[in-house]
Structure formats: structure tokens, C-alpha cells
PDB file of N, CA and C in Angstrom:
ATOM      1  N   MET A   1      52.452 136.862 -11.038  1.00  0.00           N
ATOM      2  CA  MET A   1      52.639 135.566 -11.664  1.00  0.00           C
ATOM      3  C   MET A   1      51.321 135.108 -12.267  1.00  0.00           C
ATOM      4  N   ARG A   2      51.437 134.374 -13.364  1.00  0.00           N
ATOM      5  CA  ARG A   2      50.279 133.771 -13.999  1.00  0.00           C
ATOM      6  C   ARG A   2      50.453 132.247 -13.981  1.00  0.00           C
ATOM      7  N   ILE A   3      49.375 131.543 -14.285  1.00  0.00           N
ATOM      8  CA  ILE A   3      49.420 130.079 -14.346  1.00  0.00           C
ATOM      9  C   ILE A   3      48.986 129.644 -15.734  1.00  0.00           C
ATOM     10  N   GLN A   4      49.710 128.687 -16.263  1.00  0.00           N
ATOM     11  CA  GLN A   4      49.370 128.098 -17.553  1.00  0.00           C
ATOM     12  C   GLN A   4      49.410 126.583 -17.396  1.00  0.00           C
ATOM     13  N   LEU A   5      48.447 125.900 -17.969  1.00  0.00           N
ATOM     14  CA  LEU A   5      48.437 124.433 -17.927  1.00  0.00           C
ATOM     15  C   LEU A   5      48.744 123.893 -19.313  1.00  0.00           C
ATOM     16  N   SER A   6      49.653 122.941 -19.364  1.00  0.00           N
ATOM     17  CA  SER A   6      49.955 122.292 -20.641  1.00  0.00           C
ATOM     18  C   SER A   6      48.772 121.422 -21.043  1.00  0.00           C
ATOM     19  N   GLN A   7      48.730 121.078 -22.303  1.00  0.00           N
ATOM     20  CA  GLN A   7      47.673 120.202 -22.799  1.00  0.00           C
ATOM     21  C   GLN A   7      47.697 118.866 -22.067  1.00  0.00           C
ATOM     22  N   GLU A   8      48.896 118.375 -21.787  1.00  0.00           N
ATOM     23  CA  GLU A   8      49.029 117.093 -21.089  1.00  0.00           C
ATOM     24  C   GLU A   8      48.491 117.174 -19.668  1.00  0.00           C
ATOM     25  N   ALA A   9      48.746 118.300 -18.985  1.00  0.00           N
ATOM     26  CA  ALA A   9      48.231 118.469 -17.619  1.00  0.00           C
ATOM     27  C   ALA A   9      46.712 118.516 -17.633  1.00  0.00           C
ATOM     28  N   LEU A  10      46.135 119.188 -18.619  1.00  0.00           N
ATOM     29  CA  LEU A  10      44.668 119.214 -18.746  1.00  0.00           C
ATOM     30  C   LEU A  10      44.123 117.805 -18.960  1.00  0.00           C
ATOM     31  N   GLN A  11      44.818 117.012 -19.755  1.00  0.00           N
ATOM     32  CA  GLN A  11      44.397 115.624 -19.983  1.00  0.00           C
ATOM     33  C   GLN A  11      44.526 114.797 -18.709  1.00  0.00           C
ATOM     34  N   ASP A  12      45.589 115.035 -17.925  1.00  0.00           N
ATOM     35  CA  ASP A  12      45.741 114.347 -16.635  1.00  0.00           C
ATOM     36  C   ASP A  12      44.539 114.632 -15.743  1.00  0.00           C
ATOM     37  N   ILE A  13      44.146 115.889 -15.686  1.00  0.00           N
ATOM     38  CA  ILE A  13      43.020 116.288 -14.833  1.00  0.00           C
ATOM     39  C   ILE A  13      41.722 115.648 -15.334  1.00  0.00           C
ATOM     40  N   GLU A  14      41.521 115.645 -16.633  1.00  0.00           N
ATOM     41  CA  GLU A  14      40.304 115.026 -17.194  1.00  0.00           C
ATOM     42  C   GLU A  14      40.243 113.533 -16.879  1.00  0.00           C
ATOM     43  N   ARG A  15      41.382 112.848 -16.982  1.00  0.00           N
ATOM     44  CA  ARG A  15      41.414 111.418 -16.635  1.00  0.00           C
ATOM     45  C   ARG A  15      41.068 111.209 -15.168  1.00  0.00           C
ATOM     46  N   SER A  16      41.565 112.086 -14.310  1.00  0.00           N
ATOM     47  CA  SER A  16      41.267 111.987 -12.881  1.00  0.00           C
ATOM     48  C   SER A  16      39.782 112.203 -12.614  1.00  0.00           C
ATOM     49  N   ILE A  17      39.211 113.189 -13.280  1.00  0.00           N
ATOM     50  CA  ILE A  17      37.778 113.471 -13.136  1.00  0.00           C
ATOM     51  C   ILE A  17      36.969 112.251 -13.559  1.00  0.00           C
ATOM     52  N   ASP A  18      37.311 111.680 -14.721  1.00  0.00           N
ATOM     53  CA  ASP A  18      36.589 110.501 -15.223  1.00  0.00           C
ATOM     54  C   ASP A  18      36.701 109.330 -14.253  1.00  0.00           C
ATOM     55  N   PHE A  19      37.916 109.106 -13.723  1.00  0.00           N
ATOM     56  CA  PHE A  19      38.140 108.004 -12.791  1.00  0.00           C
ATOM     57  C   PHE A  19      37.255 108.140 -11.558  1.00  0.00           C
ATOM     58  N   TYR A  20      37.279 109.314 -10.923  1.00  0.00           N
ATOM     59  CA  TYR A  20      36.513 109.495  -9.689  1.00  0.00           C
ATOM     60  C   TYR A  20      35.011 109.586  -9.937  1.00  0.00           C
ATOM     61  N   GLU A  21      34.625 110.037 -11.114  1.00  0.00           N
ATOM     62  CA  GLU A  21      33.199 110.086 -11.441  1.00  0.00           C
ATOM     63  C   GLU A  21      32.632 108.673 -11.562  1.00  0.00           C
ATOM     64  N   GLN A  22      33.444 107.734 -12.030  1.00  0.00           N
ATOM     65  CA  GLN A  22      33.002 106.337 -12.123  1.00  0.00           C
ATOM     66  C   GLN A  22      32.849 105.714 -10.741  1.00  0.00           C
ATOM     67  N   ILE A  23      33.643 106.148  -9.797  1.00  0.00           N
ATOM     68  CA  ILE A  23      33.544 105.627  -8.440  1.00  0.00           C
ATOM     69  C   ILE A  23      32.244 106.080  -7.791  1.00  0.00           C
ATOM     70  N   LYS A  24      31.953 107.377  -7.940  1.00  0.00           N
ATOM     71  CA  LYS A  24      30.729 107.924  -7.359  1.00  0.00           C
ATOM     72  C   LYS A  24      30.331 109.173  -8.149  1.00  0.00           C
ATOM     73  N   PRO A  25      29.107 109.188  -8.669  1.00  0.00           N
ATOM     74  CA  PRO A  25      28.661 110.376  -9.400  1.00  0.00           C
ATOM     75  C   PRO A  25      28.782 111.639  -8.534  1.00  0.00           C
ATOM     76  N   GLY A  26      29.356 112.685  -9.120  1.00  0.00           N
ATOM     77  CA  GLY A  26      29.562 113.938  -8.410  1.00  0.00           C
ATOM     78  C   GLY A  26      30.977 114.089  -7.868  1.00  0.00           C
ATOM     79  N   LEU A  27      31.659 112.961  -7.669  1.00  0.00           N
ATOM     80  CA  LEU A  27      33.020 113.015  -7.141  1.00  0.00           C
ATOM     81  C   LEU A  27      33.987 113.615  -8.162  1.00  0.00           C
ATOM     82  N   GLY A  28      33.693 113.442  -9.436  1.00  0.00           N
ATOM     83  CA  GLY A  28      34.519 114.033 -10.479  1.00  0.00           C
ATOM     84  C   GLY A  28      34.526 115.550 -10.403  1.00  0.00           C
ATOM     85  N   SER A  29      33.363 116.141 -10.160  1.00  0.00           N
ATOM     86  CA  SER A  29      33.283 117.600 -10.016  1.00  0.00           C
ATOM     87  C   SER A  29      34.069 118.064  -8.794  1.00  0.00           C
ATOM     88  N   TYR A  30      34.016 117.264  -7.739  1.00  0.00           N
ATOM     89  CA  TYR A  30      34.729 117.621  -6.511  1.00  0.00           C
ATOM     90  C   TYR A  30      36.239 117.617  -6.728  1.00  0.00           C
ATOM     91  N   ILE A  31      36.758 116.586  -7.406  1.00  0.00           N
ATOM     92  CA  ILE A  31      38.205 116.561  -7.637  1.00  0.00           C
ATOM     93  C   ILE A  31      38.613 117.698  -8.565  1.00  0.00           C
ATOM     94  N   ARG A  32      37.773 118.040  -9.535  1.00  0.00           N
ATOM     95  CA  ARG A  32      38.074 119.179 -10.410  1.00  0.00           C
ATOM     96  C   ARG A  32      38.230 120.444  -9.574  1.00  0.00           C
ATOM     97  N   ASP A  33      37.269 120.683  -8.689  1.00  0.00           N
ATOM     98  CA  ASP A  33      37.325 121.877  -7.841  1.00  0.00           C
ATOM     99  C   ASP A  33      38.570 121.870  -6.947  1.00  0.00           C
ATOM    100  N   CYS A  34      38.879 120.710  -6.374  1.00  0.00           N
ATOM    101  CA  CYS A  34      40.039 120.604  -5.483  1.00  0.00           C
ATOM    102  C   CYS A  34      41.341 120.846  -6.234  1.00  0.00           C
ATOM    103  N   LEU A  35      41.501 120.199  -7.391  1.00  0.00           N
ATOM    104  CA  LEU A  35      42.736 120.377  -8.148  1.00  0.00           C
ATOM    105  C   LEU A  35      42.858 121.797  -8.693  1.00  0.00           C
ATOM    106  N   THR A  36      41.733 122.398  -9.081  1.00  0.00           N
ATOM    107  CA  THR A  36      41.756 123.787  -9.537  1.00  0.00           C
ATOM    108  C   THR A  36      42.235 124.707  -8.418  1.00  0.00           C
ATOM    109  N   SER A  37      41.757 124.467  -7.215  1.00  0.00           N
ATOM    110  CA  SER A  37      42.184 125.257  -6.066  1.00  0.00           C
ATOM    111  C   SER A  37      43.671 125.055  -5.777  1.00  0.00           C
ATOM    112  N   ASP A  38      44.114 123.804  -5.809  1.00  0.00           N
ATOM    113  CA  ASP A  38      45.523 123.501  -5.548  1.00  0.00           C
ATOM    114  C   ASP A  38      46.426 124.164  -6.589  1.00  0.00           C
ATOM    115  N   ILE A  39      46.036 124.088  -7.840  1.00  0.00           N
ATOM    116  CA  ILE A  39      46.821 124.710  -8.909  1.00  0.00           C
ATOM    117  C   ILE A  39      46.768 126.232  -8.776  1.00  0.00           C
ATOM    118  N   GLY A  40      45.617 126.765  -8.425  1.00  0.00           N
ATOM    119  CA  GLY A  40      45.481 128.210  -8.234  1.00  0.00           C
ATOM    120  C   GLY A  40      46.387 128.756  -7.150  1.00  0.00           C
ATOM    121  N   SER A  41      46.726 127.914  -6.164  1.00  0.00           N
ATOM    122  CA  SER A  41      47.599 128.379  -5.087  1.00  0.00           C
ATOM    123  C   SER A  41      49.008 128.700  -5.590  1.00  0.00           C
ATOM    124  N   LEU A  42      49.326 128.253  -6.805  1.00  0.00           N
ATOM    125  CA  LEU A  42      50.633 128.578  -7.370  1.00  0.00           C
ATOM    126  C   LEU A  42      50.781 130.076  -7.616  1.00  0.00           C
ATOM    127  N   LEU A  43      49.654 130.792  -7.729  1.00  0.00           N
ATOM    128  CA  LEU A  43      49.733 132.245  -7.875  1.00  0.00           C
ATOM    129  C   LEU A  43      50.486 132.864  -6.703  1.00  0.00           C
ATOM    130  N   LEU A  44      50.263 132.327  -5.514  1.00  0.00           N
ATOM    131  CA  LEU A  44      50.932 132.835  -4.316  1.00  0.00           C
ATOM    132  C   LEU A  44      52.211 132.080  -3.981  1.00  0.00           C
ATOM    133  N   TYR A  45      52.197 130.779  -4.173  1.00  0.00           N
ATOM    134  CA  TYR A  45      53.275 129.937  -3.671  1.00  0.00           C
ATOM    135  C   TYR A  45      54.157 129.325  -4.754  1.00  0.00           C
ATOM    136  N   GLY A  46      53.902 129.653  -6.010  1.00  0.00           N
ATOM    137  CA  GLY A  46      54.703 129.089  -7.091  1.00  0.00           C
ATOM    138  C   GLY A  46      56.175 129.429  -6.928  1.00  0.00           C
ATOM    139  N   GLY A  47      56.998 128.417  -6.990  1.00  0.00           N
ATOM    140  CA  GLY A  47      58.440 128.605  -6.893  1.00  0.00           C
ATOM    141  C   GLY A  47      59.028 128.349  -5.523  1.00  0.00           C
ATOM    142  N   ILE A  48      58.193 128.132  -4.508  1.00  0.00           N
ATOM    143  CA  ILE A  48      58.733 127.887  -3.163  1.00  0.00           C
ATOM    144  C   ILE A  48      58.784 126.395  -2.823  1.00  0.00           C
ATOM    145  N   HIS A  49      58.245 125.572  -3.688  1.00  0.00           N
ATOM    146  CA  HIS A  49      58.164 124.139  -3.411  1.00  0.00           C
ATOM    147  C   HIS A  49      59.501 123.446  -3.676  1.00  0.00           C
ATOM    148  N   ALA A  50      59.581 122.227  -3.211  1.00  0.00           N
ATOM    149  CA  ALA A  50      60.769 121.410  -3.446  1.00  0.00           C
ATOM    150  C   ALA A  50      60.941 121.172  -4.941  1.00  0.00           C
ATOM    151  N   MET A  51      62.181 120.876  -5.312  1.00  0.00           N
ATOM    152  CA  MET A  51      62.490 120.572  -6.709  1.00  0.00           C
ATOM    153  C   MET A  51      63.091 119.177  -6.793  1.00  0.00           C
ATOM    154  N   GLU A  52      62.813 118.545  -7.914  1.00  0.00           N
ATOM    155  CA  GLU A  52      63.436 117.263  -8.216  1.00  0.00           C
ATOM    156  C   GLU A  52      63.712 117.227  -9.707  1.00  0.00           C
ATOM    157  N   ASN A  53      64.948 116.978 -10.051  1.00  0.00           N
ATOM    158  CA  ASN A  53      65.373 116.922 -11.453  1.00  0.00           C
ATOM    159  C   ASN A  53      64.959 118.160 -12.243  1.00  0.00           C
ATOM    160  N   GLY A  54      65.008 119.316 -11.614  1.00  0.00           N
ATOM    161  CA  GLY A  54      64.687 120.559 -12.294  1.00  0.00           C
ATOM    162  C   GLY A  54      63.218 120.918 -12.325  1.00  0.00           C
ATOM    163  N   TRP A  55      62.386 120.123 -11.680  1.00  0.00           N
ATOM    164  CA  TRP A  55      60.940 120.368 -11.642  1.00  0.00           C
ATOM    165  C   TRP A  55      60.533 120.790 -10.230  1.00  0.00           C
ATOM    166  N   PHE A  56      59.665 121.767 -10.129  1.00  0.00           N
ATOM    167  CA  PHE A  56      59.009 122.050  -8.853  1.00  0.00           C
ATOM    168  C   PHE A  56      57.856 121.059  -8.714  1.00  0.00           C
ATOM    169  N   TYR A  57      57.543 120.693  -7.487  1.00  0.00           N
ATOM    170  CA  TYR A  57      56.371 119.839  -7.284  1.00  0.00           C
ATOM    171  C   TYR A  57      55.712 120.168  -5.953  1.00  0.00           C
ATOM    172  N   THR A  58      54.404 119.971  -5.934  1.00  0.00           N
ATOM    173  CA  THR A  58      53.618 120.135  -4.718  1.00  0.00           C
ATOM    174  C   THR A  58      52.534 119.068  -4.713  1.00  0.00           C
ATOM    175  N   PHE A  59      52.117 118.693  -3.535  1.00  0.00           N
ATOM    176  CA  PHE A  59      51.081 117.675  -3.401  1.00  0.00           C
ATOM    177  C   PHE A  59      49.711 118.331  -3.318  1.00  0.00           C
ATOM    178  N   ALA A  60      48.741 117.733  -3.978  1.00  0.00           N
ATOM    179  CA  ALA A  60      47.359 118.194  -3.860  1.00  0.00           C
ATOM    180  C   ALA A  60      46.908 117.964  -2.415  1.00  0.00           C
ATOM    181  N   ASN A  61      45.994 118.790  -1.958  1.00  0.00           N
ATOM    182  CA  ASN A  61      45.573 118.722  -0.558  1.00  0.00           C
ATOM    183  C   ASN A  61      44.627 117.574  -0.240  1.00  0.00           C
ATOM    184  N   ARG A  62      43.688 117.258  -1.114  1.00  0.00           N
ATOM    185  CA  ARG A  62      42.642 116.300  -0.754  1.00  0.00           C
ATOM    186  C   ARG A  62      42.695 114.975  -1.503  1.00  0.00           C
ATOM    187  N   PHE A  63      43.446 114.926  -2.584  1.00  0.00           N
ATOM    188  CA  PHE A  63      43.551 113.704  -3.375  1.00  0.00           C
ATOM    189  C   PHE A  63      45.033 113.383  -3.567  1.00  0.00           C
ATOM    190  N   PRO A  64      45.345 112.107  -3.824  1.00  0.00           N
ATOM    191  CA  PRO A  64      46.758 111.707  -3.912  1.00  0.00           C
ATOM    192  C   PRO A  64      47.385 112.044  -5.269  1.00  0.00           C
ATOM    193  N   TYR A  65      47.553 113.321  -5.525  1.00  0.00           N
ATOM    194  CA  TYR A  65      48.137 113.778  -6.786  1.00  0.00           C
ATOM    195  C   TYR A  65      49.307 114.708  -6.512  1.00  0.00           C
ATOM    196  N   VAL A  66      50.255 114.684  -7.440  1.00  0.00           N
ATOM    197  CA  VAL A  66      51.412 115.568  -7.389  1.00  0.00           C
ATOM    198  C   VAL A  66      51.321 116.491  -8.598  1.00  0.00           C
ATOM    199  N   ILE A  67      51.465 117.782  -8.348  1.00  0.00           N
ATOM    200  CA  ILE A  67      51.419 118.793  -9.399  1.00  0.00           C
ATOM    201  C   ILE A  67      52.864 119.165  -9.714  1.00  0.00           C
ATOM    202  N   TRP A  68      53.292 118.895 -10.940  1.00  0.00           N
ATOM    203  CA  TRP A  68      54.651 119.169 -11.384  1.00  0.00           C
ATOM    204  C   TRP A  68      54.622 120.398 -12.282  1.00  0.00           C
ATOM    205  N   TYR A  69      55.497 121.355 -11.979  1.00  0.00           N
ATOM    206  CA  TYR A  69      55.464 122.601 -12.739  1.00  0.00           C
ATOM    207  C   TYR A  69      56.846 123.229 -12.849  1.00  0.00           C
ATOM    208  N   GLY A  70      56.927 124.216 -13.726  1.00  0.00           N
ATOM    209  CA  GLY A  70      58.142 125.006 -13.883  1.00  0.00           C
ATOM    210  C   GLY A  70      57.765 126.480 -13.874  1.00  0.00           C
ATOM    211  N   ILE A  71      58.735 127.317 -13.696  1.00  0.00           N
ATOM    212  CA  ILE A  71      58.520 128.767 -13.726  1.00  0.00           C
ATOM    213  C   ILE A  71      59.328 129.308 -14.897  1.00  0.00           C
ATOM    214  N   GLU A  72      58.654 130.007 -15.785  1.00  0.00           N
ATOM    215  CA  GLU A  72      59.312 130.633 -16.930  1.00  0.00           C
ATOM    216  C   GLU A  72      58.704 132.005 -17.148  1.00  0.00           C
ATOM    217  N   ASN A  73      59.545 133.026 -17.104  1.00  0.00           N
ATOM    218  CA  ASN A  73      59.089 134.405 -17.345  1.00  0.00           C
ATOM    219  C   ASN A  73      57.888 134.777 -16.484  1.00  0.00           C
ATOM    220  N   ASP A  74      57.961 134.488 -15.200  1.00  0.00           N
ATOM    221  CA  ASP A  74      56.911 134.818 -14.237  1.00  0.00           C
ATOM    222  C   ASP A  74      55.585 134.102 -14.531  1.00  0.00           C
ATOM    223  N   VAL A  75      55.676 132.931 -15.166  1.00  0.00           N
ATOM    224  CA  VAL A  75      54.507 132.098 -15.422  1.00  0.00           C
ATOM    225  C   VAL A  75      54.779 130.716 -14.824  1.00  0.00           C
ATOM    226  N   ALA A  76      53.870 130.256 -13.979  1.00  0.00           N
ATOM    227  CA  ALA A  76      53.949 128.884 -13.454  1.00  0.00           C
ATOM    228  C   ALA A  76      53.268 127.990 -14.483  1.00  0.00           C
ATOM    229  N   ILE A  77      54.058 127.157 -15.126  1.00  0.00           N
ATOM    230  CA  ILE A  77      53.529 126.274 -16.163  1.00  0.00           C
ATOM    231  C   ILE A  77      53.389 124.872 -15.579  1.00  0.00           C
ATOM    232  N   VAL A  78      52.149 124.405 -15.473  1.00  0.00           N
ATOM    233  CA  VAL A  78      51.881 123.069 -14.943  1.00  0.00           C
ATOM    234  C   VAL A  78      52.025 122.083 -16.097  1.00  0.00           C
ATOM    235  N   TYR A  79      52.961 121.151 -15.918  1.00  0.00           N
ATOM    236  CA  TYR A  79      53.240 120.173 -16.962  1.00  0.00           C
ATOM    237  C   TYR A  79      52.588 118.821 -16.704  1.00  0.00           C
ATOM    238  N   ALA A  80      52.279 118.535 -15.453  1.00  0.00           N
ATOM    239  CA  ALA A  80      51.714 117.229 -15.139  1.00  0.00           C
ATOM    240  C   ALA A  80      50.973 117.273 -13.811  1.00  0.00           C
ATOM    241  N   VAL A  81      49.905 116.500 -13.733  1.00  0.00           N
ATOM    242  CA  VAL A  81      49.162 116.275 -12.492  1.00  0.00           C
ATOM    243  C   VAL A  81      49.043 114.754 -12.402  1.00  0.00           C
ATOM    244  N   ILE A  82      49.952 114.159 -11.642  1.00  0.00           N
ATOM    245  CA  ILE A  82      50.142 112.705 -11.669  1.00  0.00           C
ATOM    246  C   ILE A  82      49.704 112.076 -10.356  1.00  0.00           C
ATOM    247  N   ASP A  83      49.023 110.956 -10.463  1.00  0.00           N
ATOM    248  CA  ASP A  83      48.610 110.182  -9.301  1.00  0.00           C
ATOM    249  C   ASP A  83      49.856 109.768  -8.517  1.00  0.00           C
ATOM    250  N   ALA A  84      49.921 110.139  -7.259  1.00  0.00           N
ATOM    251  CA  ALA A  84      51.088 109.852  -6.418  1.00  0.00           C
ATOM    252  C   ALA A  84      51.234 108.366  -6.106  1.00  0.00           C
ATOM    253  N   ARG A  85      50.214 107.594  -6.421  1.00  0.00           N
ATOM    254  CA  ARG A  85      50.285 106.156  -6.155  1.00  0.00           C
ATOM    255  C   ARG A  85      50.972 105.403  -7.287  1.00  0.00           C
ATOM    256  N   ASN A  86      51.334 106.101  -8.371  1.00  0.00           N
ATOM    257  CA  ASN A  86      52.064 105.467  -9.475  1.00  0.00           C
ATOM    258  C   ASN A  86      53.443 105.022  -9.016  1.00  0.00           C
ATOM    259  N   GLU A  87      53.979 104.064  -9.739  1.00  0.00           N
ATOM    260  CA  GLU A  87      55.373 103.696  -9.553  1.00  0.00           C
ATOM    261  C   GLU A  87      56.218 104.922  -9.862  1.00  0.00           C
ATOM    262  N   PRO A  88      57.224 105.236  -9.066  1.00  0.00           N
ATOM    263  CA  PRO A  88      58.068 106.401  -9.358  1.00  0.00           C
ATOM    264  C   PRO A  88      58.659 106.372 -10.762  1.00  0.00           C
ATOM    265  N   SER A  89      59.034 105.198 -11.251  1.00  0.00           N
ATOM    266  CA  SER A  89      59.624 105.120 -12.594  1.00  0.00           C
ATOM    267  C   SER A  89      58.601 105.508 -13.668  1.00  0.00           C
ATOM    268  N   LYS A  90      57.330 105.195 -13.449  1.00  0.00           N
ATOM    269  CA  LYS A  90      56.293 105.587 -14.401  1.00  0.00           C
ATOM    270  C   LYS A  90      56.133 107.102 -14.422  1.00  0.00           C
ATOM    271  N   SER A  91      56.122 107.715 -13.247  1.00  0.00           N
ATOM    272  CA  SER A  91      56.016 109.175 -13.156  1.00  0.00           C
ATOM    273  C   SER A  91      57.210 109.838 -13.821  1.00  0.00           C
ATOM    274  N   GLU A  92      58.405 109.305 -13.573  1.00  0.00           N
ATOM    275  CA  GLU A  92      59.609 109.866 -14.179  1.00  0.00           C
ATOM    276  C   GLU A  92      59.545 109.785 -15.693  1.00  0.00           C
ATOM    277  N   GLY A  93      59.034 108.675 -16.206  1.00  0.00           N
ATOM    278  CA  GLY A  93      58.893 108.522 -17.652  1.00  0.00           C
ATOM    279  C   GLY A  93      57.906 109.521 -18.241  1.00  0.00           C
ATOM    280  N   LEU A  94      56.796 109.727 -17.548  1.00  0.00           N
ATOM    281  CA  LEU A  94      55.810 110.707 -18.013  1.00  0.00           C
ATOM    282  C   LEU A  94      56.412 112.105 -18.045  1.00  0.00           C
ATOM    283  N   LEU A  95      57.124 112.465 -16.996  1.00  0.00           N
ATOM    284  CA  LEU A  95      57.713 113.800 -16.924  1.00  0.00           C
ATOM    285  C   LEU A  95      58.786 113.999 -17.984  1.00  0.00           C
ATOM    286  N   ARG A  96      59.584 112.982 -18.203  1.00  0.00           N
ATOM    287  CA  ARG A  96      60.660 113.072 -19.192  1.00  0.00           C
ATOM    288  C   ARG A  96      60.094 113.387 -20.574  1.00  0.00           C
ATOM    289  N   ASN A  97      58.919 112.859 -20.858  1.00  0.00           N
ATOM    290  CA  ASN A  97      58.296 113.082 -22.171  1.00  0.00           C
ATOM    291  C   ASN A  97      57.562 114.412 -22.265  1.00  0.00           C
ATOM    292  N   ARG A  98      57.381 115.114 -21.178  1.00  0.00           N
ATOM    293  CA  ARG A  98      56.594 116.350 -21.186  1.00  0.00           C
ATOM    294  C   ARG A  98      57.438 117.575 -21.537  1.00  0.00           C
ATOM    295  N   ARG A  99      58.603 117.699 -20.932  1.00  0.00           N
ATOM    296  CA  ARG A  99      59.513 118.808 -21.255  1.00  0.00           C
ATOM    297  C   ARG A  99      60.866 118.529 -20.616  1.00  0.00           C
ATOM    298  N   ASP A 100      61.871 119.196 -21.094  1.00  0.00           N
ATOM    299  CA  ASP A 100      63.183 119.112 -20.476  1.00  0.00           C
ATOM    300  C   ASP A 100      63.292 120.213 -19.443  1.00  0.00           C
ATOM    301  N   PRO A 101      63.420 119.861 -18.148  1.00  0.00           N
ATOM    302  CA  PRO A 101      63.530 120.911 -17.124  1.00  0.00           C
ATOM    303  C   PRO A 101      64.828 121.686 -17.312  1.00  0.00           C
ATOM    304  N   LYS A 102      64.805 122.944 -16.889  1.00  0.00           N
ATOM    305  CA  LYS A 102      65.997 123.800 -17.018  1.00  0.00           C
ATOM    306  C   LYS A 102      66.822 123.722 -15.766  1.00  0.00           C
TER     307      LYS A 102
END
């Protein structure tokens, strides 16, 4: 299996890095490393997570983020990395605009 990140997921991660870097210098690099590790685990565990509305999702280990992804042709495609503290309706709206789950 391979991993691919959508442009939107990359932007989600960049926003998270910027947010935490403003809280404390260096924290942005830490969240980048943590989210990269969490996303990398999809190489082994992609496809075993719970599904909702046709999307697989897993929680990041150290920060309150949910990684939403799909599997297509043996590729785990990450479509969103969303702050779990968002209103569920906001997250649903973001996901709806990213892709139509199969």
C-alpha cells in the first residue's frame, strides 16, 4: 500500500502547524512530526479503521485531530486532517466538499 495526501489535507496540516507554532515556537515542528507518523501508520493499518459515511477515519495519537481517508487501488488517500474539537456539522461540511465517498 502507498499513501497519498490530497492538497486539502496538506493545507489542513499546514494550518495546524501554524496554529501550534503561534502557541509555542517549536510546537509546530512537533505536530508535523506527530501527524506524519500517524499518517504513515496507514501503510500498515490502512483500511482497518472505523468507517462513517463511506470514509475511513482514525484519531491522531498526540493531538486532537481526525485523519479521514479512503482506499483506492491499494493507495490510502488522505482527504482531510480535521481538528476533532470542531462542531461535527462543520467537519461533515468539509468532508462533503473534499470528495464523494464510495
